[in-house]
């Protein structure tokens, strides 16, 4: 019988969402990045954002965050100074798995 790998299922009280953001780079956008980064850092420090990834090649951002509802995610996104420059999709996640969610390998002494 095959054993299934360990998979991290999210806390049932708090859901995880993947937000895919598209943006167009311009000077106004660039001027708001420091304030936006301050906001993103605060959300990371509060464990609201798990991952924040930006591709300049595709001008796309991927954010994995924790919230109770999609409308709460919308409220979080709208507080960013860059919000008016974005188009985005929000998807609720069922399974989140990866190296960061695994226990470290045990090495016997």
Protein backbone atom coordinates (compact mmCIF):
# COMPACT_ATOMS: atom_id res chain seq x y z
CA UNK A 1 0.00 0.00 0.00
CA UNK A 2 1.36 3.44 -0.97
CA UNK A 3 1.69 5.95 1.81
CA UNK A 4 0.53 9.46 1.04
CA UNK A 5 3.06 12.23 1.69
CA UNK A 6 2.50 14.57 4.58
CA UNK A 7 0.28 17.44 3.44
CA UNK A 8 -0.42 20.52 5.51
CA UNK A 9 -4.16 21.19 5.73
CA UNK A 10 -4.94 24.74 6.73
CA UNK A 11 -6.41 25.72 10.08
CA UNK A 12 -10.18 25.33 9.68
CA UNK A 13 -10.88 28.68 11.34
CA UNK A 14 -8.66 30.61 8.94
CA UNK A 15 -8.70 29.97 5.20
CA UNK A 16 -5.80 30.43 2.81
CA UNK A 17 -6.12 32.35 -0.44
CA UNK A 18 -3.89 32.76 -3.48
CA UNK A 19 -4.10 36.19 -5.06
CA UNK A 20 -2.74 36.68 -8.57
CA UNK A 21 -2.17 40.35 -9.32
CA UNK A 22 -1.36 41.92 -12.69
CA UNK A 23 0.07 45.43 -12.87
CA UNK A 24 1.47 47.94 -15.37
CA UNK A 25 4.73 49.58 -14.39
CA UNK A 26 4.96 53.39 -14.58
CA UNK A 27 6.56 56.23 -12.63
CA UNK A 28 3.50 56.81 -10.40
CA UNK A 29 3.43 53.11 -9.54
CA UNK A 30 7.17 53.10 -8.76
CA UNK A 31 6.83 56.10 -6.43
CA UNK A 32 4.32 54.18 -4.27
CA UNK A 33 6.46 51.05 -3.83
CA UNK A 34 8.12 52.11 -0.51
CA UNK A 35 4.71 52.69 1.15
CA UNK A 36 3.39 49.46 -0.35
CA UNK A 37 6.40 47.48 0.95
CA UNK A 38 5.83 48.91 4.43
CA UNK A 39 2.24 47.63 4.27
CA UNK A 40 3.29 44.20 2.93
CA UNK A 41 5.99 43.85 5.62
CA UNK A 42 3.40 44.59 8.31
CA UNK A 43 1.10 41.88 6.90
CA UNK A 44 3.99 39.38 6.78
CA UNK A 45 4.92 40.20 10.38
CA UNK A 46 1.30 39.63 11.46
CA UNK A 47 1.27 36.22 9.67
CA UNK A 48 -1.46 37.41 7.32
CA UNK A 49 0.79 36.97 4.28
CA UNK A 50 2.66 33.68 3.96
CA UNK A 51 4.36 34.41 0.64
CA UNK A 52 4.78 37.48 -1.56
CA UNK A 53 6.38 36.94 -4.97
CA UNK A 54 6.88 39.49 -7.79
CA UNK A 55 7.85 38.87 -11.42
CA UNK A 56 8.95 41.94 -13.35
CA UNK A 57 9.12 39.83 -16.51
CA UNK A 58 5.36 39.19 -16.51
CA UNK A 59 4.43 42.15 -14.26
CA UNK A 60 2.60 39.76 -12.00
CA UNK A 61 2.46 39.25 -8.21
CA UNK A 62 1.46 36.11 -6.31
CA UNK A 63 0.39 36.45 -2.69
CA UNK A 64 -0.61 33.61 -0.37
CA UNK A 65 -2.49 34.98 2.59
CA UNK A 66 -4.69 33.95 5.49
CA UNK A 67 -8.17 35.38 5.96
CA UNK A 68 -11.63 34.24 6.97
CA UNK A 69 -13.42 35.26 3.74
CA UNK A 70 -12.77 36.51 0.21
CA UNK A 71 -14.29 39.85 1.17
CA UNK A 72 -11.69 40.14 3.95
CA UNK A 73 -8.99 39.48 1.33
CA UNK A 74 -10.48 42.29 -0.81
CA UNK A 75 -10.35 44.67 2.16
CA UNK A 76 -6.69 43.79 2.76
CA UNK A 77 -5.82 44.37 -0.90
CA UNK A 78 -7.69 47.69 -1.08
CA UNK A 79 -5.52 49.12 1.71
CA UNK A 80 -2.39 48.92 -0.46
CA UNK A 81 -1.30 52.20 -2.05
CA UNK A 82 -0.90 50.25 -5.33
CA UNK A 83 -4.44 48.86 -5.38
CA UNK A 84 -5.72 51.19 -8.10
CA UNK A 85 -3.03 49.91 -10.50
CA UNK A 86 -4.01 46.24 -10.14
CA UNK A 87 -6.30 43.71 -11.68
CA UNK A 88 -6.45 40.50 -9.68
CA UNK A 89 -8.03 37.13 -9.04
CA UNK A 90 -8.59 35.57 -5.61
CA UNK A 91 -8.72 31.79 -5.20
CA UNK A 92 -9.45 29.91 -1.97
CA UNK A 93 -6.86 27.18 -1.37
CA UNK A 94 -7.65 23.69 -0.10
CA UNK A 95 -4.15 22.22 0.29
CA UNK A 96 -0.91 24.09 0.92
CA UNK A 97 2.23 21.98 0.76
CA UNK A 98 5.90 22.66 0.27
CA UNK A 99 9.32 22.52 1.87
CA UNK A 100 8.47 25.34 4.30
CA UNK A 101 5.59 23.33 5.77
CA UNK A 102 7.63 20.20 6.47
CA UNK A 103 9.48 19.29 9.63
CA UNK A 104 13.26 19.30 9.28
CA UNK A 105 14.92 15.93 8.74
CA UNK A 106 16.11 14.33 11.97
CA UNK A 107 19.78 13.35 12.00
CA UNK A 108 20.75 10.88 14.73
CA UNK A 109 23.90 11.77 16.67
